[in-house]
Protein backbone atom coordinates (compact mmCIF):
# COMPACT_ATOMS: atom_id res chain seq x y z
CA MET A 1 32.17 -28.91 30.72
CA GLU A 2 34.47 -27.12 28.07
CA PRO A 3 32.71 -26.34 24.76
CA ARG A 4 32.84 -28.33 21.81
CA PRO A 5 36.15 -27.08 19.36
CA ASP A 6 33.69 -27.17 16.37
CA ALA A 7 31.18 -25.45 18.38
CA PRO A 8 31.03 -21.61 17.34
CA ALA A 9 31.84 -19.30 20.60
CA PRO A 10 28.73 -17.51 21.97
CA ASP A 11 30.82 -14.04 22.40
CA ARG A 12 32.64 -14.40 18.63
CA ALA A 13 32.82 -11.46 16.99
CA ARG A 14 30.68 -10.77 14.23
CA PRO A 15 32.43 -10.13 11.01
CA ALA A 16 32.78 -6.56 9.80
CA ARG A 17 29.28 -5.21 8.09
CA ARG A 18 29.45 -5.23 4.42
CA GLY A 19 27.99 -3.50 1.54
CA GLY A 20 27.40 -4.48 -2.02
CA TRP A 21 26.72 -7.78 -4.12
CA THR A 22 28.92 -9.34 -1.45
CA ALA A 23 26.87 -8.95 1.51
CA LEU A 24 23.58 -9.11 -0.59
CA ARG A 25 24.17 -12.90 -1.99
CA PRO A 26 23.25 -14.54 0.71
CA LEU A 27 20.01 -13.10 1.04
CA VAL A 28 19.21 -13.49 -2.49
CA LEU A 29 20.42 -17.30 -2.64
CA ARG A 30 18.20 -17.49 0.71
CA LEU A 31 15.03 -16.53 -1.13
CA HIS A 32 15.90 -17.85 -4.28
CA PHE A 33 16.01 -21.50 -2.26
CA TYR A 34 12.52 -20.51 -0.34
CA ALA A 35 10.79 -19.80 -3.50
CA GLY A 36 12.32 -22.60 -5.55
CA VAL A 37 10.51 -24.93 -2.55
CA PHE A 38 7.73 -23.51 -2.43
CA VAL A 39 6.69 -21.32 -5.33
CA ALA A 40 8.19 -23.46 -8.16
CA PRO A 41 5.29 -26.26 -8.14
CA PHE A 42 3.01 -23.23 -9.09
CA ILE A 43 5.24 -22.29 -12.08
CA LEU A 44 5.68 -25.56 -13.06
CA VAL A 45 1.90 -26.02 -13.60
CA ALA A 46 1.28 -21.95 -14.89
CA ALA A 47 4.21 -23.37 -17.40
CA LEU A 48 2.63 -26.60 -18.69
CA SER A 49 -0.91 -25.19 -19.00
CA GLY A 50 0.29 -22.09 -20.84
CA LEU A 51 2.67 -24.38 -23.18
CA LEU A 52 -0.64 -26.33 -24.23
CA TYR A 53 -2.71 -23.19 -24.68
CA VAL A 54 -0.22 -21.53 -26.97
CA TRP A 55 -1.16 -24.34 -29.61
CA THR A 56 -4.75 -24.09 -29.27
CA PRO A 57 -5.61 -22.07 -32.24
CA GLN A 58 -4.81 -24.95 -34.00
CA LEU A 59 -6.47 -27.49 -32.12
CA GLU A 60 -9.63 -25.03 -32.47
CA GLN A 61 -9.54 -24.89 -35.99
CA ALA A 62 -9.35 -28.76 -36.29
CA VAL A 63 -12.05 -29.59 -33.84
CA HIS A 64 -14.52 -26.76 -34.59
CA ALA A 65 -13.39 -26.79 -38.88
CA GLU A 66 -17.47 -27.41 -39.50
CA GLN A 67 -18.52 -24.31 -37.52
CA LEU A 68 -15.90 -22.26 -39.00
CA HIS A 69 -15.44 -23.09 -42.42
CA VAL A 70 -17.81 -23.33 -45.29
CA GLU A 71 -17.47 -24.01 -48.84
CA PRO A 72 -18.23 -20.92 -51.31
CA GLY A 73 -21.07 -20.81 -53.36
CA GLY A 74 -22.05 -17.36 -55.13
CA GLU A 75 -22.60 -13.87 -53.82
CA PRO A 76 -23.04 -13.81 -49.91
CA LEU A 77 -26.23 -13.08 -48.72
CA PRO A 78 -26.69 -9.44 -46.88
CA LEU A 79 -25.27 -9.30 -43.51
CA HIS A 80 -28.84 -8.42 -42.08
CA GLU A 81 -30.48 -11.55 -43.67
CA GLN A 82 -27.42 -13.99 -42.06
CA VAL A 83 -28.46 -12.03 -38.39
CA ARG A 84 -32.09 -12.83 -38.90
CA VAL A 85 -31.37 -16.51 -39.76
CA ALA A 86 -29.38 -16.45 -36.34
CA ARG A 87 -32.19 -14.72 -34.41
CA ALA A 88 -34.28 -17.35 -35.51
CA GLU A 89 -32.36 -20.29 -34.21
CA LEU A 90 -32.95 -18.45 -30.81
CA PRO A 91 -36.08 -17.24 -30.50
CA GLY A 92 -36.66 -14.30 -28.13
CA ALA A 93 -33.20 -13.35 -28.08
CA GLU A 94 -31.86 -10.13 -29.32
CA PRO A 95 -28.04 -9.99 -31.12
CA ASP A 96 -25.37 -8.12 -29.35
CA ALA A 97 -22.87 -8.33 -32.21
CA VAL A 98 -22.40 -9.70 -35.60
CA ARG A 99 -18.40 -10.65 -36.89
CA PRO A 100 -19.05 -10.59 -40.69
CA ALA A 101 -17.30 -13.68 -42.57
CA THR A 102 -13.95 -12.34 -43.93
CA GLY A 103 -12.40 -14.71 -46.20
CA GLU A 104 -14.61 -16.74 -48.82
CA ARG A 105 -14.34 -19.90 -46.51
CA ASP A 106 -15.12 -18.32 -43.31
CA SER A 107 -18.44 -18.46 -41.51
CA THR A 108 -20.35 -15.45 -39.82
CA ARG A 109 -20.65 -15.39 -36.22
CA VAL A 110 -23.55 -13.72 -34.86
CA LEU A 111 -22.99 -13.01 -30.93
CA PHE A 112 -25.86 -12.97 -28.11
CA ASP A 113 -25.32 -11.96 -24.71
CA LEU A 114 -27.63 -14.11 -22.71
CA PRO A 115 -28.84 -13.69 -19.34
CA GLY A 116 -27.09 -15.27 -16.95
CA SER A 117 -23.97 -16.02 -18.92
CA ALA A 118 -20.58 -15.43 -17.09
CA GLU A 119 -18.70 -12.67 -17.85
CA SER A 120 -17.37 -12.15 -20.95
CA HIS A 121 -18.81 -15.37 -22.25
CA ARG A 122 -21.47 -14.85 -25.40
CA MET A 123 -23.63 -17.44 -27.36
CA THR A 124 -22.50 -17.46 -30.78
CA VAL A 125 -24.60 -18.40 -33.67
CA PHE A 126 -22.43 -19.70 -36.57
CA VAL A 127 -24.25 -19.10 -40.10
CA ASP A 128 -23.01 -20.03 -43.78
CA PRO A 129 -23.11 -16.56 -45.53
CA TYR A 130 -24.04 -18.33 -48.99
CA ARG A 131 -26.72 -20.47 -47.87
CA GLY A 132 -28.01 -19.00 -44.72
CA GLU A 133 -27.95 -22.41 -42.98
CA VAL A 134 -26.95 -22.42 -38.98
CA LEU A 135 -23.40 -24.72 -38.60
CA GLY A 136 -24.15 -24.54 -35.22
CA VAL A 137 -24.02 -22.88 -31.59
CA MET A 138 -21.72 -22.43 -29.36
CA GLU A 139 -20.33 -20.53 -26.42
CA THR A 140 -17.58 -17.97 -27.09
CA TYR A 141 -15.31 -16.22 -24.84
CA GLY A 142 -13.49 -12.95 -24.88
CA THR A 143 -12.23 -10.53 -27.78
CA SER A 144 -10.72 -13.39 -29.45
CA GLY A 145 -13.98 -15.27 -29.77
CA ALA A 146 -12.50 -18.54 -28.14
CA LEU A 147 -14.56 -21.67 -28.82
CA PRO A 148 -14.63 -24.59 -26.17
CA VAL A 149 -11.94 -26.21 -26.38
CA ARG A 150 -9.35 -22.97 -26.04
CA THR A 151 -11.80 -21.82 -23.33
CA TRP A 152 -11.15 -24.80 -21.41
CA VAL A 153 -7.62 -24.50 -21.59
CA ASP A 154 -7.52 -20.61 -21.27
CA THR A 155 -9.45 -21.36 -17.57
CA LEU A 156 -6.88 -24.32 -16.67
CA HIS A 157 -4.08 -21.79 -17.23
CA ARG A 158 -5.72 -18.76 -15.39
CA SER A 159 -7.10 -20.65 -12.81
CA LEU A 160 -7.46 -23.99 -13.00
CA HIS A 161 -11.06 -24.40 -13.34
CA LEU A 162 -11.30 -23.15 -9.51
CA GLY A 163 -12.95 -19.76 -9.84
CA ASP A 164 -11.45 -16.79 -8.20
CA ALA A 165 -9.69 -18.46 -5.74
CA GLY A 166 -7.83 -20.68 -8.50
CA ARG A 167 -6.72 -17.38 -9.96
CA LEU A 168 -4.45 -17.36 -6.66
CA TYR A 169 -2.19 -19.74 -8.19
CA SER A 170 -1.57 -18.15 -11.45
CA GLU A 171 -0.86 -14.57 -9.77
CA LEU A 172 1.69 -16.42 -7.36
CA ALA A 173 3.36 -17.88 -10.10
CA ALA A 174 3.34 -14.44 -12.52
CA SER A 175 4.51 -12.60 -9.26
CA TRP A 176 7.54 -14.50 -8.08
CA LEU A 177 8.77 -15.52 -11.92
CA TRP A 178 10.63 -12.26 -12.36
CA ALA A 179 11.75 -12.29 -8.52
CA VAL A 180 13.51 -15.85 -9.04
CA ALA A 181 14.35 -15.64 -12.67
CA LEU A 182 16.48 -12.27 -11.64
CA GLY A 183 17.86 -13.77 -8.54
CA GLY A 184 18.81 -16.89 -10.42
CA SER A 185 20.34 -15.35 -13.34
CA ALA A 186 22.51 -13.11 -10.85
CA LEU A 187 23.15 -16.02 -8.58
CA TRP A 188 24.95 -17.63 -11.69
CA ALA A 189 26.64 -14.83 -13.10
CA SER A 190 28.13 -13.78 -10.21
CA ALA A 191 29.47 -17.40 -9.63
CA ALA A 192 30.90 -17.20 -13.41
CA LEU A 193 32.59 -14.20 -12.44
CA ARG A 194 34.42 -15.51 -9.18
CA ARG A 195 35.59 -18.25 -11.52
CA ARG A 196 36.96 -15.92 -13.86
CA ARG A 197 38.75 -13.72 -11.34
CA ALA A 198 40.19 -17.01 -9.86
CA GLY A 199 41.50 -17.84 -13.18
CA GLY A 200 39.17 -20.91 -13.93
CA PRO A 201 39.38 -22.00 -17.71
CA GLY A 202 36.48 -21.29 -19.73
CA ALA A 203 34.48 -18.97 -17.44
CA ALA A 204 32.59 -17.70 -20.65
CA ARG A 205 31.72 -21.05 -22.10
CA ARG A 206 30.69 -22.71 -18.45
CA LEU A 207 28.28 -19.41 -18.08
CA LEU A 208 26.55 -19.79 -21.40
CA VAL A 209 26.66 -23.56 -22.09
CA PRO A 210 24.23 -25.80 -19.86
CA GLY A 211 26.76 -28.71 -18.50
CA ALA A 212 30.32 -27.31 -19.91
CA GLY A 213 33.21 -28.42 -18.02
CA THR A 214 31.57 -30.10 -15.57
CA SER A 215 31.49 -33.99 -13.78
CA PRO A 216 28.35 -35.85 -13.76
CA GLY A 217 26.10 -35.20 -10.63
CA ARG A 218 25.03 -32.22 -9.02
CA SER A 219 27.82 -29.61 -10.47
CA ARG A 220 26.23 -30.44 -13.89
CA SER A 221 22.67 -30.09 -12.66
CA VAL A 222 23.61 -26.52 -11.33
CA SER A 223 25.34 -25.85 -14.37
CA VAL A 224 22.45 -26.59 -16.56
CA HIS A 225 19.91 -25.06 -14.39
CA GLY A 226 21.85 -21.86 -14.18
CA ALA A 227 22.90 -21.65 -17.72
CA THR A 228 19.68 -22.34 -19.28
CA GLY A 229 18.21 -20.18 -17.00
CA LEU A 230 20.02 -17.25 -17.89
CA TRP A 231 19.39 -17.74 -21.59
CA LEU A 232 15.52 -17.74 -20.48
CA LEU A 233 15.77 -14.48 -18.31
CA VAL A 234 14.27 -11.95 -21.05
CA GLY A 235 11.85 -14.38 -22.08
CA LEU A 236 10.50 -15.49 -18.15
CA LEU A 237 10.45 -11.48 -17.59
CA PHE A 238 8.24 -10.88 -20.06
CA LEU A 239 5.79 -13.62 -19.34
CA SER A 240 5.71 -12.49 -15.74
CA ALA A 241 5.24 -8.89 -16.39
CA THR A 242 2.28 -9.40 -19.01
CA GLY A 243 1.14 -12.41 -16.82
CA MET A 244 0.14 -9.88 -13.84
CA THR A 245 -1.77 -7.62 -16.07
CA TRP A 246 -4.34 -10.47 -15.46
CA SER A 247 -4.03 -11.28 -11.96
CA GLN A 248 -6.69 -9.80 -9.25
CA TYR A 249 -4.34 -7.87 -7.02
CA ALA A 250 -1.25 -6.91 -8.63
CA GLY A 251 -3.40 -6.46 -11.89
CA ASP A 252 -5.38 -3.88 -9.95
CA ASN A 253 -2.12 -1.90 -9.09
CA ILE A 254 -1.27 -1.98 -12.77
CA ALA A 255 -4.60 -0.85 -14.02
CA ASP A 256 -4.62 2.13 -11.29
CA LEU A 257 -0.81 3.15 -12.36
CA ARG A 258 -1.45 3.17 -16.07
CA GLU A 259 -4.72 5.45 -15.42
CA ARG A 260 -3.08 7.80 -13.40
CA LEU A 261 -0.14 8.15 -16.12
CA ALA A 262 -2.94 8.26 -18.85
CA TRP A 263 -1.42 5.20 -20.70
CA THR A 264 -4.91 3.67 -20.65
CA THR A 265 -6.70 2.31 -23.92
CA PRO A 266 -8.72 5.18 -26.13
CA ALA A 267 -12.21 4.26 -26.45
CA VAL A 268 -14.18 5.28 -29.43
CA SER A 269 -17.14 7.76 -28.27
CA VAL A 270 -20.82 6.97 -28.61
CA GLU A 271 -21.95 10.03 -26.71
CA THR A 272 -22.91 11.24 -29.97
CA PRO A 273 -27.12 10.74 -30.54
CA ASN A 274 -28.63 9.84 -33.75
CA ALA A 275 -30.31 13.05 -35.16
CA THR A 276 -33.68 10.63 -35.56
CA PRO A 277 -33.70 8.05 -33.05
CA GLY A 278 -35.55 4.92 -34.29
CA VAL A 279 -34.21 4.97 -37.55
CA ASP A 280 -31.83 2.42 -38.45
CA ALA A 281 -29.81 2.58 -41.57
CA GLY A 282 -28.92 -1.21 -41.00
CA VAL A 283 -26.24 -3.31 -40.36
CA ASP A 284 -25.09 -3.59 -43.94
CA THR A 285 -24.80 0.20 -44.10
CA VAL A 286 -23.07 0.28 -41.14
CA LEU A 287 -20.53 -2.22 -42.22
CA ALA A 288 -20.02 -0.47 -45.81
CA SER A 289 -19.37 3.01 -43.87
CA ALA A 290 -16.78 1.05 -41.53
CA ARG A 291 -15.07 -0.37 -44.55
CA GLU A 292 -14.80 2.87 -46.31
CA ALA A 293 -12.97 4.57 -42.82
CA GLY A 294 -10.29 2.06 -43.30
CA LEU A 295 -11.50 -1.01 -40.80
CA ASP A 296 -10.95 -3.58 -42.89
CA GLY A 297 -10.05 -7.26 -42.11
CA LEU A 298 -11.82 -8.98 -39.47
CA VAL A 299 -14.63 -6.45 -37.84
CA GLU A 300 -16.97 -6.97 -34.69
CA VAL A 301 -20.24 -4.79 -35.29
CA SER A 302 -21.83 -4.33 -31.90
CA PHE A 303 -25.68 -3.01 -31.96
CA PRO A 304 -26.47 -0.28 -30.15
CA GLY A 305 -28.21 -0.68 -26.62
CA ASP A 306 -29.92 2.40 -26.93
CA PRO A 307 -32.21 3.40 -29.78
CA ALA A 308 -30.40 6.94 -29.82
CA ALA A 309 -26.73 5.34 -29.81
CA PRO A 310 -24.73 4.63 -32.38
CA TYR A 311 -23.64 1.09 -33.48
CA THR A 312 -19.66 0.52 -32.78
CA VAL A 313 -17.51 -1.48 -35.33
CA THR A 314 -14.04 -2.81 -33.94
CA GLN A 315 -11.43 -4.41 -35.73
CA VAL A 316 -10.69 -7.79 -33.72
CA ASP A 317 -7.43 -8.94 -35.40
CA ARG A 318 -4.55 -9.29 -32.91
CA SER A 319 -1.97 -10.10 -35.28
CA TRP A 320 0.70 -8.46 -36.59
CA PRO A 321 0.64 -5.32 -37.62
CA THR A 322 -1.78 -4.59 -35.07
CA SER A 323 -5.15 -3.06 -36.59
CA VAL A 324 -7.94 -2.43 -33.53
CA ASP A 325 -9.24 0.65 -35.03
CA ALA A 326 -12.53 1.78 -33.84
CA ALA A 327 -15.46 3.70 -35.21
CA ALA A 328 -18.59 4.57 -34.10
CA VAL A 329 -21.70 4.93 -36.70
CA ALA A 330 -24.58 6.91 -36.62
CA ALA A 331 -27.63 4.14 -36.64
CA ASP A 332 -29.93 6.83 -38.56
CA THR A 333 -27.57 8.20 -41.32
CA GLY A 334 -24.78 5.46 -41.28
CA GLU A 335 -22.15 7.74 -41.03
CA VAL A 336 -19.13 7.59 -39.10
CA VAL A 337 -19.00 10.30 -35.83
CA ASP A 338 -15.78 9.09 -34.35
CA VAL A 339 -12.89 6.88 -34.90
CA VAL A 340 -10.06 5.81 -32.93
CA ARG A 341 -6.98 4.55 -34.54
CA PHE A 342 -4.40 2.74 -33.07
CA SER A 343 -1.82 4.64 -34.37
CA ASP A 344 -3.04 7.48 -32.16
CA TYR A 345 -2.88 5.23 -28.56
CA PRO A 346 -0.55 6.45 -26.03
CA LEU A 347 3.05 4.43 -26.38
CA MET A 348 2.39 2.56 -23.28
CA ALA A 349 -1.09 1.70 -24.27
CA LYS A 350 0.43 -0.15 -27.49
CA LEU A 351 3.18 -1.69 -25.80
CA SER A 352 0.68 -2.91 -23.20
CA ARG A 353 -1.57 -4.23 -26.38
CA TRP A 354 1.61 -6.01 -28.06
CA GLY A 355 2.52 -7.62 -24.95
CA ILE A 356 -0.45 -9.20 -23.92
CA ASP A 357 -1.00 -10.70 -27.87
CA ALA A 358 2.49 -11.74 -27.69
CA HIS A 359 2.03 -13.72 -24.16
CA MET A 360 -1.07 -15.35 -25.96
CA GLY A 361 1.19 -16.36 -28.69
CA VAL A 362 -1.09 -14.62 -31.61
CA LEU A 363 1.12 -11.25 -32.19
CA PHE A 364 3.15 -12.94 -34.73
CA GLY A 365 1.48 -16.04 -35.40
CA VAL A 366 3.21 -19.66 -35.56
CA PRO A 367 6.86 -17.93 -34.57
CA ASN A 368 5.27 -16.44 -31.73
CA GLN A 369 3.99 -19.68 -30.60
CA VAL A 370 7.44 -21.56 -31.66
CA VAL A 371 9.29 -18.91 -28.85
CA LEU A 372 6.97 -19.26 -26.08
CA THR A 373 6.60 -23.03 -26.38
CA ALA A 374 10.74 -22.72 -26.31
CA VAL A 375 10.65 -20.54 -23.29
CA ALA A 376 7.55 -22.83 -21.59
CA ALA A 377 9.67 -25.98 -22.14
CA GLY A 378 12.72 -24.63 -20.71
CA LEU A 379 11.43 -23.28 -17.15
CA VAL A 380 9.63 -26.52 -16.76
CA GLY A 381 13.38 -28.27 -17.18
CA VAL A 382 14.72 -25.26 -15.07
CA VAL A 383 12.37 -26.09 -12.52
CA LEU A 384 12.88 -30.05 -12.83
CA TRP A 385 16.55 -29.49 -12.63
CA GLY A 386 15.99 -27.45 -9.52
CA TYR A 387 14.45 -30.42 -7.67
CA ARG A 388 16.96 -32.76 -9.36
CA MET A 389 19.82 -30.36 -7.43
CA TRP A 390 17.84 -30.63 -4.19
CA TRP A 391 17.43 -34.69 -4.65
CA GLN A 392 21.04 -34.77 -5.09
CA ARG A 393 21.45 -33.23 -1.91
CA ARG A 394 18.42 -34.73 0.06
CA PRO A 395 18.72 -35.97 3.63
CA THR A 396 19.97 -39.01 4.78
CA ARG A 397 20.94 -40.08 7.81
CA SER A 398 24.27 -39.01 7.76
CA ARG A 399 23.32 -35.27 7.16
CA ALA A 400 21.49 -32.69 9.18
CA LEU A 401 17.53 -32.54 8.50
CA GLY A 402 16.25 -31.25 5.40
CA ALA A 403 18.33 -29.86 2.37
CA ARG A 404 20.62 -28.02 4.99
CA ARG A 405 20.63 -24.58 5.56
CA PRO A 406 20.60 -22.43 2.14
CA TYR A 407 23.13 -20.09 3.78
CA PRO A 408 24.08 -19.47 7.25
CA ARG A 409 21.83 -17.32 8.86
CA GLY A 410 22.42 -13.52 9.82
CA SER A 411 23.14 -12.34 7.01
CA PHE A 412 21.04 -9.49 7.37
CA ARG A 413 22.56 -8.20 10.69
CA ASP A 414 26.07 -8.22 9.12
CA LEU A 415 24.69 -5.84 6.41
CA ALA A 416 25.76 -2.03 6.54
CA TRP A 417 22.83 -0.39 8.04
CA PRO A 418 22.24 1.78 4.80
CA TRP A 419 22.32 -1.44 2.93
CA ARG A 420 19.33 -2.79 5.50
CA ALA A 421 17.47 -0.05 5.28
CA GLY A 422 17.36 -0.23 1.47
CA VAL A 423 16.66 -3.86 1.41
CA VAL A 424 13.86 -3.31 3.90
CA ALA A 425 12.40 -0.50 1.78
CA VAL A 426 12.48 -2.40 -1.91
CA LEU A 427 10.79 -5.68 0.03
CA ALA A 428 8.16 -3.15 1.21
CA ALA A 429 7.16 -1.25 -2.16
CA VAL A 430 7.57 -4.79 -4.05
CA GLY A 431 5.17 -6.27 -1.38
CA TRP A 432 2.76 -3.34 -1.91
CA ALA A 433 2.82 -3.30 -5.61
CA VAL A 434 2.60 -7.08 -5.70
CA PRO A 435 0.74 -8.16 -2.97
CA LEU A 436 0.77 -11.92 -3.29
CA LEU A 437 4.53 -12.11 -3.26
CA GLY A 438 4.67 -9.67 -0.01
CA VAL A 439 2.40 -12.06 1.86
CA SER A 440 4.28 -15.05 0.59
CA LEU A 441 7.69 -13.33 1.29
CA ALA A 442 6.56 -12.85 5.08
CA ALA A 443 5.44 -16.35 5.27
CA PHE A 444 8.76 -17.57 4.23
CA LEU A 445 10.30 -15.30 6.61
CA ALA A 446 7.92 -16.71 9.37
CA VAL A 447 8.77 -20.39 8.10
CA ASP A 448 12.46 -19.66 8.27
CA ALA A 449 11.96 -18.06 11.71
CA LEU A 450 10.70 -21.48 12.88
CA LEU A 451 13.10 -23.65 11.43
CA GLY A 452 15.92 -21.12 12.81
CA GLY A 453 14.64 -21.55 16.42
CA GLY A 454 14.75 -25.59 16.03
CA GLU A 455 17.88 -25.63 14.50
CA ARG A 456 19.15 -23.56 17.51
CA ARG A 457 17.25 -26.13 20.22
CA ARG A 458 18.53 -29.11 18.15
CA ASP A 459 22.10 -27.19 18.57
CA ARG A 460 22.20 -27.11 22.24
CA SER A 461 21.15 -30.33 22.99
CA GLY A 462 22.88 -32.50 20.37
CA PRO A 463 26.05 -32.44 18.07
CA ALA A 464 26.67 -29.32 15.99
CA GLY A 465 26.54 -28.94 12.55
CA PRO A 466 28.54 -27.33 9.86
CA SER A 467 30.18 -23.87 11.28
CA PRO A 468 28.65 -20.76 9.70
CA ALA A 469 32.48 -20.71 7.89
CA ALA A 470 31.96 -24.12 6.63
CA ALA A 471 29.08 -23.42 5.28
CA ARG A 472 30.23 -20.38 3.78
CA ALA A 473 33.57 -22.01 2.46
CA GLU A 474 31.05 -24.94 1.12
CA ASP A 475 28.81 -22.20 -0.62
CA GLU A 476 31.78 -20.30 -2.21
CA HIS A 477 32.72 -23.73 -4.22
CA GLY A 478 29.63 -24.47 -5.13
CA ARG A 479 28.96 -27.68 -3.19
CA ALA A 480 26.47 -26.79 -0.43
CA PRO A 481 23.54 -24.58 -0.81
CA ALA A 482 20.86 -26.24 -2.22
CA SER A 483 19.97 -22.96 -4.22
CA THR A 484 16.47 -23.65 -5.64
């Protein structure tokens, strides 16, 4: 039997091996496709839950207004008296720290680290600083002192309330977000460059304006998907990098790197013992000494766990300009024995602090929240447009199985050997530094190999699909591969 005219000849010579973007583009396209299909749902959930978290400070203020705010009424009670009121509310419990009221309408928080509490969770008694009345008792979380409504949304964003196993979802999203964003932007920019070289009109406008110069249908979806993703690129890279600092596996690698490069956040020393252990000058004296040392604004005064250890006072306001100075104050004399200033932090420690606070939307207040809202909403749109592109090329009876190949297989073998070695080295390094990305990438390769084997078996027993040359031609004109 003679071979079909449209079937590729088995002994056809392979194309000349290539380097540069021309050779890498098929690999990036294929990777972008698989990441879009399998990882985009996790990114979508992270974006939606993050969008909800951005505005939880305002929600928290509205829901818990009775515990957070009071009516001014004369001179506030001494801080030690407010702590006494809180201790009476939880008999037998010893306070871990106190956050004095800063504004005249703020309540004082007295925090208790009770046995059995989850990590970073403390029971907090809210006290009216003027009347000495308990306004409520709630569990709070973290340095920000998040109340239950914000804690619930935060846990949803981090782990979907599924514990450590649930944290894998957010780490998977953060690990792939930068790769998907960079790959997609490179693909879109290279397509615009090809149009410009071909003399296409308005190449720059089509690159930057979603939907510009396109007709309704898949072409418009591709344009909106690509141009919007390009505008979001910097924000997505920022969210991915800062998000991985909280992750289990990549986060550990980041922490190790920071420690090796001396980029860690310095801590105030509590090694200087009190001259007269057991003597306590009192929390009011300690707070006054810290204020004289320049620790203004919202602070947390931590009680010493050891009679010979000093108090520590730390600024906890994360808004700009950043104030996170800390001081150790001798319990017996009330003298400041050590101070760590944010201005003395290493540059990378400062950048880490700013990055985390900006990721949470607290660094610049409402403007920060608005920017994060725009980025998260844009990311949701990009993901949905990506799936719309797939749907517009969805399988029908007249088409091959699936969404067709994102790009003909064998592109890696077409690379010149230095490029192949470079690709393998980069992927190995990224997989080691970002383990969840590496594991999922290996899974993608396994799935792709299985699909390739199935296609080869079908090609031997049935009509042949589009030839590699035809698929390449389709791709070059932006019609065929499903690149998301």
